């Protein structure tokens, strides 16, 4: 069973994404609400996939910092960004830092599950 870590400051969004993932396959879901929890869980649990919201605070910098830290620890980590940020340059920066995909909010359940299936 693959472990998926959902990192989002919104408990509603974590619950929404968790329900999609649990309904769509055999995944064990972990949750983190901030960068400190995310990094602790990533180091201890070694999830197979990280679903990371960029805007965990007032800016995208916190999410980008988490992405950078995860990739520094494990350059092969599968990090999927979820974000309401629609700027192409932000997406390009995330991909250049090592994100495997970038899904725009609002999240489409089919797109999310198809993306996860790519990394089984």
PDB file of N, CA and C in Angstrom:
ATOM      1  N   UNK A   1       0.846  -1.183   0.000  1.00  0.00           N
ATOM      2  CA  UNK A   1       0.000   0.000   0.000  1.00  0.00           C
ATOM      3  C   UNK A   1       0.891   1.246   0.000  1.00  0.00           C
ATOM      4  N   UNK A   2       0.647   2.127  -0.953  1.00  0.00           N
ATOM      5  CA  UNK A   2       1.423   3.367  -1.067  1.00  0.00           C
ATOM      6  C   UNK A   2       0.992   4.364   0.004  1.00  0.00           C
ATOM      7  N   UNK A   3       1.981   5.083   0.539  1.00  0.00           N
ATOM      8  CA  UNK A   3       1.701   6.145   1.511  1.00  0.00           C
ATOM      9  C   UNK A   3       1.683   7.483   0.790  1.00  0.00           C
ATOM     10  N   UNK A   4       0.627   8.252   1.043  1.00  0.00           N
ATOM     11  CA  UNK A   4       0.491   9.583   0.468  1.00  0.00           C
ATOM     12  C   UNK A   4       0.409  10.584   1.611  1.00  0.00           C
ATOM     13  N   UNK A   5       1.246  11.597   1.555  1.00  0.00           N
ATOM     14  CA  UNK A   5       1.227  12.684   2.532  1.00  0.00           C
ATOM     15  C   UNK A   5       0.549  13.892   1.896  1.00  0.00           C
ATOM     16  N   UNK A   6      -0.540  14.354   2.520  1.00  0.00           N
ATOM     17  CA  UNK A   6      -1.235  15.556   2.070  1.00  0.00           C
ATOM     18  C   UNK A   6      -0.799  16.708   2.972  1.00  0.00           C
ATOM     19  N   UNK A   7      -0.269  17.765   2.359  1.00  0.00           N
ATOM     20  CA  UNK A   7       0.183  18.930   3.115  1.00  0.00           C
ATOM     21  C   UNK A   7      -0.641  20.134   2.676  1.00  0.00           C
ATOM     22  N   UNK A   8      -1.493  20.601   3.583  1.00  0.00           N
ATOM     23  CA  UNK A   8      -2.346  21.754   3.300  1.00  0.00           C
ATOM     24  C   UNK A   8      -2.788  22.338   4.633  1.00  0.00           C
ATOM     25  N   UNK A   9      -2.775  23.649   4.755  1.00  0.00           N
ATOM     26  CA  UNK A   9      -3.187  24.266   6.023  1.00  0.00           C
ATOM     27  C   UNK A   9      -4.694  24.212   6.236  1.00  0.00           C
ATOM     28  N   UNK A  10      -5.448  23.930   5.202  1.00  0.00           N
ATOM     29  CA  UNK A  10      -6.901  23.847   5.297  1.00  0.00           C
ATOM     30  C   UNK A  10      -7.325  22.421   5.652  1.00  0.00           C
ATOM     31  N   UNK A  11      -7.951  22.256   6.815  1.00  0.00           N
ATOM     32  CA  UNK A  11      -8.418  20.927   7.204  1.00  0.00           C
ATOM     33  C   UNK A  11      -9.487  20.438   6.233  1.00  0.00           C
ATOM     34  N   UNK A  12     -10.296  21.354   5.718  1.00  0.00           N
ATOM     35  CA  UNK A  12     -11.317  20.974   4.733  1.00  0.00           C
ATOM     36  C   UNK A  12     -10.657  20.401   3.473  1.00  0.00           C
ATOM     37  N   UNK A  13      -9.624  21.060   2.970  1.00  0.00           N
ATOM     38  CA  UNK A  13      -8.958  20.592   1.750  1.00  0.00           C
ATOM     39  C   UNK A  13      -8.273  19.251   1.995  1.00  0.00           C
ATOM     40  N   UNK A  14      -7.636  19.083   3.157  1.00  0.00           N
ATOM     41  CA  UNK A  14      -7.010  17.793   3.461  1.00  0.00           C
ATOM     42  C   UNK A  14      -8.066  16.686   3.481  1.00  0.00           C
ATOM     43  N   UNK A  15      -9.215  16.953   4.113  1.00  0.00           N
ATOM     44  CA  UNK A  15     -10.287  15.971   4.180  1.00  0.00           C
ATOM     45  C   UNK A  15     -10.815  15.646   2.778  1.00  0.00           C
ATOM     46  N   UNK A  16     -11.004  16.669   1.960  1.00  0.00           N
ATOM     47  CA  UNK A  16     -11.505  16.508   0.592  1.00  0.00           C
ATOM     48  C   UNK A  16     -10.554  15.637  -0.224  1.00  0.00           C
ATOM     49  N   UNK A  17      -9.281  15.951  -0.195  1.00  0.00           N
ATOM     50  CA  UNK A  17      -8.281  15.199  -0.956  1.00  0.00           C
ATOM     51  C   UNK A  17      -8.166  13.773  -0.411  1.00  0.00           C
ATOM     52  N   UNK A  18      -8.198  13.635   0.904  1.00  0.00           N
ATOM     53  CA  UNK A  18      -8.109  12.314   1.524  1.00  0.00           C
ATOM     54  C   UNK A  18      -9.267  11.419   1.071  1.00  0.00           C
ATOM     55  N   UNK A  19     -10.474  11.961   1.035  1.00  0.00           N
ATOM     56  CA  UNK A  19     -11.632  11.172   0.604  1.00  0.00           C
ATOM     57  C   UNK A  19     -11.490  10.723  -0.847  1.00  0.00           C
ATOM     58  N   UNK A  20     -11.006  11.613  -1.696  1.00  0.00           N
ATOM     59  CA  UNK A  20     -10.782  11.248  -3.102  1.00  0.00           C
ATOM     60  C   UNK A  20      -9.786  10.091  -3.194  1.00  0.00           C
ATOM     61  N   UNK A  21      -8.687  10.218  -2.472  1.00  0.00           N
ATOM     62  CA  UNK A  21      -7.619   9.219  -2.544  1.00  0.00           C
ATOM     63  C   UNK A  21      -8.086   7.879  -1.978  1.00  0.00           C
ATOM     64  N   UNK A  22      -8.738   7.915  -0.824  1.00  0.00           N
ATOM     65  CA  UNK A  22      -9.185   6.665  -0.208  1.00  0.00           C
ATOM     66  C   UNK A  22     -10.247   5.969  -1.044  1.00  0.00           C
ATOM     67  N   UNK A  23     -11.088   6.738  -1.714  1.00  0.00           N
ATOM     68  CA  UNK A  23     -12.130   6.160  -2.565  1.00  0.00           C
ATOM     69  C   UNK A  23     -11.533   5.559  -3.837  1.00  0.00           C
ATOM     70  N   UNK A  24     -10.444   6.151  -4.311  1.00  0.00           N
ATOM     71  CA  UNK A  24      -9.904   5.777  -5.609  1.00  0.00           C
ATOM     72  C   UNK A  24      -8.831   4.719  -5.623  1.00  0.00           C
ATOM     73  N   UNK A  25      -8.444   4.204  -4.480  1.00  0.00           N
ATOM     74  CA  UNK A  25      -7.392   3.199  -4.541  1.00  0.00           C
ATOM     75  C   UNK A  25      -6.901   2.763  -3.184  1.00  0.00           C
ATOM     76  N   UNK A  26      -5.861   1.950  -3.214  1.00  0.00           N
ATOM     77  CA  UNK A  26      -5.305   1.406  -1.971  1.00  0.00           C
ATOM     78  C   UNK A  26      -4.108   2.250  -1.525  1.00  0.00           C
ATOM     79  N   UNK A  27      -4.436   3.328  -0.846  1.00  0.00           N
ATOM     80  CA  UNK A  27      -3.418   4.241  -0.344  1.00  0.00           C
ATOM     81  C   UNK A  27      -3.594   4.427   1.155  1.00  0.00           C
ATOM     82  N   UNK A  28      -2.499   4.591   1.831  1.00  0.00           N
ATOM     83  CA  UNK A  28      -2.500   4.996   3.230  1.00  0.00           C
ATOM     84  C   UNK A  28      -2.245   6.501   3.227  1.00  0.00           C
ATOM     85  N   UNK A  29      -3.115   7.274   3.873  1.00  0.00           N
ATOM     86  CA  UNK A  29      -3.032   8.730   3.794  1.00  0.00           C
ATOM     87  C   UNK A  29      -2.544   9.324   5.116  1.00  0.00           C
ATOM     88  N   UNK A  30      -1.532  10.166   5.007  1.00  0.00           N
ATOM     89  CA  UNK A  30      -0.992  10.926   6.133  1.00  0.00           C
ATOM     90  C   UNK A  30      -1.315  12.388   5.879  1.00  0.00           C
ATOM     91  N   UNK A  31      -1.405  13.179   6.954  1.00  0.00           N
ATOM     92  CA  UNK A  31      -1.748  14.588   6.801  1.00  0.00           C
ATOM     93  C   UNK A  31      -0.809  15.479   7.603  1.00  0.00           C
ATOM     94  N   UNK A  32      -0.542  16.661   7.029  1.00  0.00           N
ATOM     95  CA  UNK A  32       0.230  17.689   7.724  1.00  0.00           C
ATOM     96  C   UNK A  32      -0.394  19.040   7.416  1.00  0.00           C
ATOM     97  N   UNK A  33      -0.424  19.913   8.421  1.00  0.00           N
ATOM     98  CA  UNK A  33      -1.069  21.218   8.250  1.00  0.00           C
ATOM     99  C   UNK A  33      -0.080  22.367   8.081  1.00  0.00           C
ATOM    100  N   UNK A  34       1.207  22.102   8.302  1.00  0.00           N
ATOM    101  CA  UNK A  34       2.195  23.167   8.144  1.00  0.00           C
ATOM    102  C   UNK A  34       3.544  22.571   7.756  1.00  0.00           C
ATOM    103  N   UNK A  35       4.498  23.446   7.506  1.00  0.00           N
ATOM    104  CA  UNK A  35       5.791  22.972   7.003  1.00  0.00           C
ATOM    105  C   UNK A  35       6.539  22.119   8.021  1.00  0.00           C
ATOM    106  N   UNK A  36       6.430  22.455   9.306  1.00  0.00           N
ATOM    107  CA  UNK A  36       7.145  21.675  10.319  1.00  0.00           C
ATOM    108  C   UNK A  36       6.592  20.257  10.412  1.00  0.00           C
ATOM    109  N   UNK A  37       5.262  20.132  10.472  1.00  0.00           N
ATOM    110  CA  UNK A  37       4.641  18.804  10.490  1.00  0.00           C
ATOM    111  C   UNK A  37       4.990  18.036   9.214  1.00  0.00           C
ATOM    112  N   UNK A  38       4.941  18.729   8.084  1.00  0.00           N
ATOM    113  CA  UNK A  38       5.224  18.084   6.806  1.00  0.00           C
ATOM    114  C   UNK A  38       6.626  17.487   6.782  1.00  0.00           C
ATOM    115  N   UNK A  39       7.594  18.253   7.217  1.00  0.00           N
ATOM    116  CA  UNK A  39       8.965  17.774   7.179  1.00  0.00           C
ATOM    117  C   UNK A  39       9.185  16.647   8.183  1.00  0.00           C
ATOM    118  N   UNK A  40       8.578  16.751   9.347  1.00  0.00           N
ATOM    119  CA  UNK A  40       8.712  15.682  10.347  1.00  0.00           C
ATOM    120  C   UNK A  40       8.120  14.376   9.800  1.00  0.00           C
ATOM    121  N   UNK A  41       6.896  14.451   9.285  1.00  0.00           N
ATOM    122  CA  UNK A  41       6.240  13.254   8.759  1.00  0.00           C
ATOM    123  C   UNK A  41       7.017  12.698   7.570  1.00  0.00           C
ATOM    124  N   UNK A  42       7.511  13.575   6.695  1.00  0.00           N
ATOM    125  CA  UNK A  42       8.277  13.113   5.535  1.00  0.00           C
ATOM    126  C   UNK A  42       9.511  12.334   5.987  1.00  0.00           C
ATOM    127  N   UNK A  43      10.218  12.840   6.973  1.00  0.00           N
ATOM    128  CA  UNK A  43      11.442  12.181   7.446  1.00  0.00           C
ATOM    129  C   UNK A  43      11.149  10.859   8.162  1.00  0.00           C
ATOM    130  N   UNK A  44      10.069  10.814   8.938  1.00  0.00           N
ATOM    131  CA  UNK A  44       9.746   9.625   9.732  1.00  0.00           C
ATOM    132  C   UNK A  44       9.032   8.557   8.909  1.00  0.00           C
ATOM    133  N   UNK A  45       8.070   8.958   8.108  1.00  0.00           N
ATOM    134  CA  UNK A  45       7.202   8.008   7.407  1.00  0.00           C
ATOM    135  C   UNK A  45       7.664   7.656   5.990  1.00  0.00           C
ATOM    136  N   UNK A  46       8.507   8.493   5.399  1.00  0.00           N
ATOM    137  CA  UNK A  46       9.004   8.270   4.040  1.00  0.00           C
ATOM    138  C   UNK A  46       7.866   7.940   3.059  1.00  0.00           C
ATOM    139  N   UNK A  47       6.930   8.887   2.884  1.00  0.00           N
ATOM    140  CA  UNK A  47       5.791   8.613   1.997  1.00  0.00           C
ATOM    141  C   UNK A  47       6.234   8.441   0.544  1.00  0.00           C
ATOM    142  N   UNK A  48       5.424   7.692  -0.190  1.00  0.00           N
ATOM    143  CA  UNK A  48       5.713   7.458  -1.611  1.00  0.00           C
ATOM    144  C   UNK A  48       5.381   8.676  -2.463  1.00  0.00           C
ATOM    145  N   UNK A  49       4.347   9.408  -2.036  1.00  0.00           N
ATOM    146  CA  UNK A  49       3.878  10.571  -2.780  1.00  0.00           C
ATOM    147  C   UNK A  49       3.525  11.676  -1.787  1.00  0.00           C
ATOM    148  N   UNK A  50       3.873  12.910  -2.131  1.00  0.00           N
ATOM    149  CA  UNK A  50       3.498  14.078  -1.332  1.00  0.00           C
ATOM    150  C   UNK A  50       2.610  14.966  -2.194  1.00  0.00           C
ATOM    151  N   UNK A  51       1.440  15.285  -1.675  1.00  0.00           N
ATOM    152  CA  UNK A  51       0.547  16.249  -2.322  1.00  0.00           C
ATOM    153  C   UNK A  51       0.666  17.525  -1.511  1.00  0.00           C
ATOM    154  N   UNK A  52       1.231  18.552  -2.129  1.00  0.00           N
ATOM    155  CA  UNK A  52       1.646  19.755  -1.414  1.00  0.00           C
ATOM    156  C   UNK A  52       0.948  21.004  -1.925  1.00  0.00           C
ATOM    157  N   UNK A  53       0.252  21.680  -1.015  1.00  0.00           N
ATOM    158  CA  UNK A  53      -0.326  22.983  -1.340  1.00  0.00           C
ATOM    159  C   UNK A  53       0.775  24.029  -1.233  1.00  0.00           C
ATOM    160  N   UNK A  54       0.837  24.931  -2.194  1.00  0.00           N
ATOM    161  CA  UNK A  54       1.856  25.981  -2.146  1.00  0.00           C
ATOM    162  C   UNK A  54       1.537  27.051  -1.118  1.00  0.00           C
ATOM    163  N   UNK A  55       0.271  27.379  -0.964  1.00  0.00           N
ATOM    164  CA  UNK A  55      -0.115  28.502  -0.107  1.00  0.00           C
ATOM    165  C   UNK A  55      -0.534  28.033   1.275  1.00  0.00           C
ATOM    166  N   UNK A  56       0.439  27.696   2.091  1.00  0.00           N
ATOM    167  CA  UNK A  56       0.129  27.296   3.459  1.00  0.00           C
ATOM    168  C   UNK A  56       0.123  28.487   4.404  1.00  0.00           C
ATOM    169  N   UNK A  57       0.575  29.607   3.922  1.00  0.00           N
ATOM    170  CA  UNK A  57       0.544  30.849   4.697  1.00  0.00           C
ATOM    171  C   UNK A  57       0.099  31.952   3.752  1.00  0.00           C
ATOM    172  N   UNK A  58       0.560  33.134   3.954  1.00  0.00           N
ATOM    173  CA  UNK A  58       0.153  34.261   3.116  1.00  0.00           C
ATOM    174  C   UNK A  58       0.827  34.293   1.750  1.00  0.00           C
ATOM    175  N   UNK A  59       1.808  33.435   1.532  1.00  0.00           N
ATOM    176  CA  UNK A  59       2.492  33.448   0.237  1.00  0.00           C
ATOM    177  C   UNK A  59       2.821  32.032  -0.198  1.00  0.00           C
ATOM    178  N   UNK A  60       3.308  31.907  -1.413  1.00  0.00           N
ATOM    179  CA  UNK A  60       3.685  30.593  -1.926  1.00  0.00           C
ATOM    180  C   UNK A  60       5.050  30.155  -1.415  1.00  0.00           C
ATOM    181  N   UNK A  61       5.764  31.033  -0.732  1.00  0.00           N
ATOM    182  CA  UNK A  61       7.131  30.721  -0.321  1.00  0.00           C
ATOM    183  C   UNK A  61       7.201  29.536   0.630  1.00  0.00           C
ATOM    184  N   UNK A  62       6.222  29.385   1.504  1.00  0.00           N
ATOM    185  CA  UNK A  62       6.269  28.264   2.453  1.00  0.00           C
ATOM    186  C   UNK A  62       6.172  26.933   1.713  1.00  0.00           C
ATOM    187  N   UNK A  63       5.268  26.828   0.763  1.00  0.00           N
ATOM    188  CA  UNK A  63       5.152  25.605  -0.019  1.00  0.00           C
ATOM    189  C   UNK A  63       6.393  25.331  -0.845  1.00  0.00           C
ATOM    190  N   UNK A  64       6.952  26.369  -1.433  1.00  0.00           N
ATOM    191  CA  UNK A  64       8.179  26.215  -2.218  1.00  0.00           C
ATOM    192  C   UNK A  64       9.337  25.785  -1.319  1.00  0.00           C
ATOM    193  N   UNK A  65       9.364  26.305  -0.098  1.00  0.00           N
ATOM    194  CA  UNK A  65      10.396  25.904   0.865  1.00  0.00           C
ATOM    195  C   UNK A  65      10.262  24.413   1.212  1.00  0.00           C
ATOM    196  N   UNK A  66       9.042  23.957   1.445  1.00  0.00           N
ATOM    197  CA  UNK A  66       8.819  22.541   1.738  1.00  0.00           C
ATOM    198  C   UNK A  66       9.236  21.687   0.543  1.00  0.00           C
ATOM    199  N   UNK A  67       8.830  22.084  -0.653  1.00  0.00           N
ATOM    200  CA  UNK A  67       9.230  21.362  -1.864  1.00  0.00           C
ATOM    201  C   UNK A  67      10.750  21.259  -1.943  1.00  0.00           C
ATOM    202  N   UNK A  68      11.436  22.359  -1.770  1.00  0.00           N
ATOM    203  CA  UNK A  68      12.906  22.366  -1.842  1.00  0.00           C
ATOM    204  C   UNK A  68      13.517  21.444  -0.789  1.00  0.00           C
ATOM    205  N   UNK A  69      12.986  21.488   0.426  1.00  0.00           N
ATOM    206  CA  UNK A  69      13.511  20.650   1.505  1.00  0.00           C
ATOM    207  C   UNK A  69      13.293  19.164   1.224  1.00  0.00           C
ATOM    208  N   UNK A  70      12.122  18.826   0.721  1.00  0.00           N
ATOM    209  CA  UNK A  70      11.835  17.422   0.399  1.00  0.00           C
ATOM    210  C   UNK A  70      12.783  16.922  -0.682  1.00  0.00           C
ATOM    211  N   UNK A  71      12.943  17.692  -1.739  1.00  0.00           N
ATOM    212  CA  UNK A  71      13.812  17.286  -2.847  1.00  0.00           C
ATOM    213  C   UNK A  71      15.275  17.230  -2.401  1.00  0.00           C
ATOM    214  N   UNK A  72      15.663  18.090  -1.478  1.00  0.00           N
ATOM    215  CA  UNK A  72      17.027  18.046  -0.950  1.00  0.00           C
ATOM    216  C   UNK A  72      17.263  16.734  -0.198  1.00  0.00           C
ATOM    217  N   UNK A  73      16.267  16.289   0.564  1.00  0.00           N
ATOM    218  CA  UNK A  73      16.380  15.038   1.309  1.00  0.00           C
ATOM    219  C   UNK A  73      16.329  13.842   0.368  1.00  0.00           C
ATOM    220  N   UNK A  74      15.398  13.882  -0.591  1.00  0.00           N
ATOM    221  CA  UNK A  74      15.231  12.772  -1.530  1.00  0.00           C
ATOM    222  C   UNK A  74      14.960  13.327  -2.927  1.00  0.00           C
ATOM    223  N   UNK A  75      15.987  13.434  -3.742  1.00  0.00           N
ATOM    224  CA  UNK A  75      15.812  13.992  -5.091  1.00  0.00           C
ATOM    225  C   UNK A  75      14.832  13.221  -5.966  1.00  0.00           C
ATOM    226  N   UNK A  76      14.524  11.978  -5.612  1.00  0.00           N
ATOM    227  CA  UNK A  76      13.582  11.172  -6.386  1.00  0.00           C
ATOM    228  C   UNK A  76      12.159  11.224  -5.835  1.00  0.00           C
ATOM    229  N   UNK A  77      11.931  12.033  -4.824  1.00  0.00           N
ATOM    230  CA  UNK A  77      10.603  12.117  -4.199  1.00  0.00           C
ATOM    231  C   UNK A  77       9.557  12.548  -5.219  1.00  0.00           C
ATOM    232  N   UNK A  78       8.369  11.962  -5.100  1.00  0.00           N
ATOM    233  CA  UNK A  78       7.251  12.328  -5.963  1.00  0.00           C
ATOM    234  C   UNK A  78       6.427  13.377  -5.219  1.00  0.00           C
ATOM    235  N   UNK A  79       6.546  14.616  -5.672  1.00  0.00           N
ATOM    236  CA  UNK A  79       5.794  15.725  -5.072  1.00  0.00           C
ATOM    237  C   UNK A  79       4.855  16.267  -6.139  1.00  0.00           C
ATOM    238  N   UNK A  80       3.576  16.277  -5.794  1.00  0.00           N
ATOM    239  CA  UNK A  80       2.548  16.823  -6.672  1.00  0.00           C
ATOM    240  C   UNK A  80       2.029  18.091  -6.032  1.00  0.00           C
ATOM    241  N   UNK A  81       2.178  19.189  -6.720  1.00  0.00           N
ATOM    242  CA  UNK A  81       1.728  20.485  -6.205  1.00  0.00           C
ATOM    243  C   UNK A  81       0.240  20.648  -6.494  1.00  0.00           C
ATOM    244  N   UNK A  82      -0.489  21.151  -5.496  1.00  0.00           N
ATOM    245  CA  UNK A  82      -1.869  21.588  -5.709  1.00  0.00           C
ATOM    246  C   UNK A  82      -1.909  23.064  -5.324  1.00  0.00           C
ATOM    247  N   UNK A  83      -2.513  23.873  -6.172  1.00  0.00           N
ATOM    248  CA  UNK A  83      -2.490  25.306  -5.886  1.00  0.00           C
ATOM    249  C   UNK A  83      -3.545  26.058  -6.667  1.00  0.00           C
ATOM    250  N   UNK A  84      -4.031  27.115  -6.053  1.00  0.00           N
ATOM    251  CA  UNK A  84      -4.934  28.029  -6.742  1.00  0.00           C
ATOM    252  C   UNK A  84      -4.147  29.059  -7.545  1.00  0.00           C
ATOM    253  N   UNK A  85      -2.828  29.085  -7.365  1.00  0.00           N
ATOM    254  CA  UNK A  85      -1.971  30.019  -8.093  1.00  0.00           C
ATOM    255  C   UNK A  85      -1.951  29.610  -9.563  1.00  0.00           C
ATOM    256  N   UNK A  86      -2.366  30.501 -10.419  1.00  0.00           N
ATOM    257  CA  UNK A  86      -2.512  30.196 -11.840  1.00  0.00           C
ATOM    258  C   UNK A  86      -1.354  30.730 -12.696  1.00  0.00           C
ATOM    259  N   UNK A  87      -0.339  31.296 -12.067  1.00  0.00           N
ATOM    260  CA  UNK A  87       0.763  31.895 -12.815  1.00  0.00           C
ATOM    261  C   UNK A  87       1.700  30.819 -13.351  1.00  0.00           C
ATOM    262  N   UNK A  88       1.930  30.843 -14.639  1.00  0.00           N
ATOM    263  CA  UNK A  88       2.772  29.838 -15.295  1.00  0.00           C
ATOM    264  C   UNK A  88       4.196  29.841 -14.729  1.00  0.00           C
ATOM    265  N   UNK A  89       4.708  31.028 -14.354  1.00  0.00           N
ATOM    266  CA  UNK A  89       6.075  31.086 -13.826  1.00  0.00           C
ATOM    267  C   UNK A  89       6.202  30.363 -12.488  1.00  0.00           C
ATOM    268  N   UNK A  90       5.126  30.342 -11.684  1.00  0.00           N
ATOM    269  CA  UNK A  90       5.148  29.609 -10.418  1.00  0.00           C
ATOM    270  C   UNK A  90       5.183  28.110 -10.704  1.00  0.00           C
ATOM    271  N   UNK A  91       4.373  27.670 -11.632  1.00  0.00           N
ATOM    272  CA  UNK A  91       4.380  26.258 -12.027  1.00  0.00           C
ATOM    273  C   UNK A  91       5.763  25.861 -12.537  1.00  0.00           C
ATOM    274  N   UNK A  92       6.332  26.678 -13.401  1.00  0.00           N
ATOM    275  CA  UNK A  92       7.655  26.380 -13.957  1.00  0.00           C
ATOM    276  C   UNK A  92       8.713  26.295 -12.863  1.00  0.00           C
ATOM    277  N   UNK A  93       8.630  27.190 -11.872  1.00  0.00           N
ATOM    278  CA  UNK A  93       9.596  27.173 -10.764  1.00  0.00           C
ATOM    279  C   UNK A  93       9.465  25.874  -9.976  1.00  0.00           C
ATOM    280  N   UNK A  94       8.240  25.467  -9.694  1.00  0.00           N
ATOM    281  CA  UNK A  94       8.010  24.222  -8.949  1.00  0.00           C
ATOM    282  C   UNK A  94       8.558  23.017  -9.705  1.00  0.00           C
ATOM    283  N   UNK A  95       8.287  22.974 -10.988  1.00  0.00           N
ATOM    284  CA  UNK A  95       8.762  21.858 -11.804  1.00  0.00           C
ATOM    285  C   UNK A  95      10.296  21.859 -11.869  1.00  0.00           C
ATOM    286  N   UNK A  96      10.893  23.030 -11.967  1.00  0.00           N
ATOM    287  CA  UNK A  96      12.354  23.128 -12.001  1.00  0.00           C
ATOM    288  C   UNK A  96      12.971  22.674 -10.673  1.00  0.00           C
ATOM    289  N   UNK A  97      12.253  22.891  -9.574  1.00  0.00           N
ATOM    290  CA  UNK A  97      12.753  22.474  -8.261  1.00  0.00           C
ATOM    291  C   UNK A  97      12.588  20.980  -8.020  1.00  0.00           C
ATOM    292  N   UNK A  98      11.793  20.306  -8.855  1.00  0.00           N
ATOM    293  CA  UNK A  98      11.671  18.859  -8.721  1.00  0.00           C
ATOM    294  C   UNK A  98      10.272  18.314  -8.559  1.00  0.00           C
ATOM    295  N   UNK A  99       9.253  19.180  -8.564  1.00  0.00           N
ATOM    296  CA  UNK A  99       7.873  18.678  -8.498  1.00  0.00           C
ATOM    297  C   UNK A  99       7.600  17.834  -9.735  1.00  0.00           C
ATOM    298  N   UNK A 100       6.819  16.781  -9.571  1.00  0.00           N
ATOM    299  CA  UNK A 100       6.495  15.899 -10.695  1.00  0.00           C
ATOM    300  C   UNK A 100       5.265  16.368 -11.453  1.00  0.00           C
ATOM    301  N   UNK A 101       4.365  17.105 -10.767  1.00  0.00           N
ATOM    302  CA  UNK A 101       3.158  17.581 -11.426  1.00  0.00           C
ATOM    303  C   UNK A 101       2.616  18.780 -10.661  1.00  0.00           C
ATOM    304  N   UNK A 102       1.691  19.492 -11.309  1.00  0.00           N
ATOM    305  CA  UNK A 102       1.100  20.711 -10.755  1.00  0.00           C
ATOM    306  C   UNK A 102      -0.379  20.695 -11.108  1.00  0.00           C
ATOM    307  N   UNK A 103      -1.220  20.543 -10.092  1.00  0.00           N
ATOM    308  CA  UNK A 103      -2.664  20.485 -10.299  1.00  0.00           C
ATOM    309  C   UNK A 103      -3.291  21.759  -9.757  1.00  0.00           C
ATOM    310  N   UNK A 104      -4.062  22.418 -10.611  1.00  0.00           N
ATOM    311  CA  UNK A 104      -4.697  23.669 -10.212  1.00  0.00           C
ATOM    312  C   UNK A 104      -5.979  23.401  -9.434  1.00  0.00           C
ATOM    313  N   UNK A 105      -6.179  24.213  -8.393  1.00  0.00           N
ATOM    314  CA  UNK A 105      -7.436  24.175  -7.644  1.00  0.00           C
ATOM    315  C   UNK A 105      -8.457  25.000  -8.395  1.00  0.00           C
ATOM    316  N   UNK A 106      -9.725  24.677  -8.326  1.00  0.00           N
ATOM    317  CA  UNK A 106     -10.299  23.570  -7.557  1.00  0.00           C
ATOM    318  C   UNK A 106      -9.898  22.227  -8.157  1.00  0.00           C
ATOM    319  N   UNK A 107      -9.697  21.263  -7.282  1.00  0.00           N
ATOM    320  CA  UNK A 107      -9.189  19.958  -7.693  1.00  0.00           C
ATOM    321  C   UNK A 107     -10.292  19.119  -8.317  1.00  0.00           C
ATOM    322  N   UNK A 108      -9.966  18.557  -9.460  1.00  0.00           N
ATOM    323  CA  UNK A 108     -10.835  17.602 -10.134  1.00  0.00           C
ATOM    324  C   UNK A 108     -10.400  16.210  -9.671  1.00  0.00           C
ATOM    325  N   UNK A 109     -11.338  15.444  -9.105  1.00  0.00           N
ATOM    326  CA  UNK A 109     -11.016  14.131  -8.553  1.00  0.00           C
ATOM    327  C   UNK A 109     -10.387  13.203  -9.592  1.00  0.00           C
ATOM    328  N   UNK A 110     -10.896  13.201 -10.811  1.00  0.00           N
ATOM    329  CA  UNK A 110     -10.358  12.330 -11.853  1.00  0.00           C
ATOM    330  C   UNK A 110      -8.921  12.695 -12.207  1.00  0.00           C
ATOM    331  N   UNK A 111      -8.646  13.987 -12.297  1.00  0.00           N
ATOM    332  CA  UNK A 111      -7.281  14.427 -12.608  1.00  0.00           C
ATOM    333  C   UNK A 111      -6.329  14.012 -11.491  1.00  0.00           C
ATOM    334  N   UNK A 112      -6.743  14.215 -10.244  1.00  0.00           N
ATOM    335  CA  UNK A 112      -5.908  13.834  -9.113  1.00  0.00           C
ATOM    336  C   UNK A 112      -5.618  12.335  -9.121  1.00  0.00           C
ATOM    337  N   UNK A 113      -6.638  11.507  -9.296  1.00  0.00           N
ATOM    338  CA  UNK A 113      -6.436  10.063  -9.272  1.00  0.00           C
ATOM    339  C   UNK A 113      -5.615   9.586 -10.462  1.00  0.00           C
ATOM    340  N   UNK A 114      -5.822  10.155 -11.639  1.00  0.00           N
ATOM    341  CA  UNK A 114      -5.006   9.787 -12.797  1.00  0.00           C
ATOM    342  C   UNK A 114      -3.546  10.151 -12.574  1.00  0.00           C
ATOM    343  N   UNK A 115      -3.324  11.282 -11.934  1.00  0.00           N
ATOM    344  CA  UNK A 115      -1.950  11.699 -11.624  1.00  0.00           C
ATOM    345  C   UNK A 115      -1.310  10.742 -10.634  1.00  0.00           C
ATOM    346  N   UNK A 116      -2.042  10.367  -9.594  1.00  0.00           N
ATOM    347  CA  UNK A 116      -1.498   9.423  -8.602  1.00  0.00           C
ATOM    348  C   UNK A 116      -1.165   8.078  -9.253  1.00  0.00           C
ATOM    349  N   UNK A 117      -2.027   7.628 -10.147  1.00  0.00           N
ATOM    350  CA  UNK A 117      -1.816   6.331 -10.796  1.00  0.00           C
ATOM    351  C   UNK A 117      -0.550   6.307 -11.642  1.00  0.00           C
ATOM    352  N   UNK A 118      -0.122   7.472 -12.106  1.00  0.00           N
ATOM    353  CA  UNK A 118       1.123   7.546 -12.876  1.00  0.00           C
ATOM    354  C   UNK A 118       2.333   7.144 -12.037  1.00  0.00           C
ATOM    355  N   UNK A 119       2.209   7.246 -10.708  1.00  0.00           N
ATOM    356  CA  UNK A 119       3.358   6.999  -9.815  1.00  0.00           C
ATOM    357  C   UNK A 119       3.158   5.756  -8.966  1.00  0.00           C
ATOM    358  N   UNK A 120       2.364   4.803  -9.440  1.00  0.00           N
ATOM    359  CA  UNK A 120       2.171   3.545  -8.703  1.00  0.00           C
ATOM    360  C   UNK A 120       3.381   2.669  -8.824  1.00  0.00           C
TER     361      UNK A 120
END
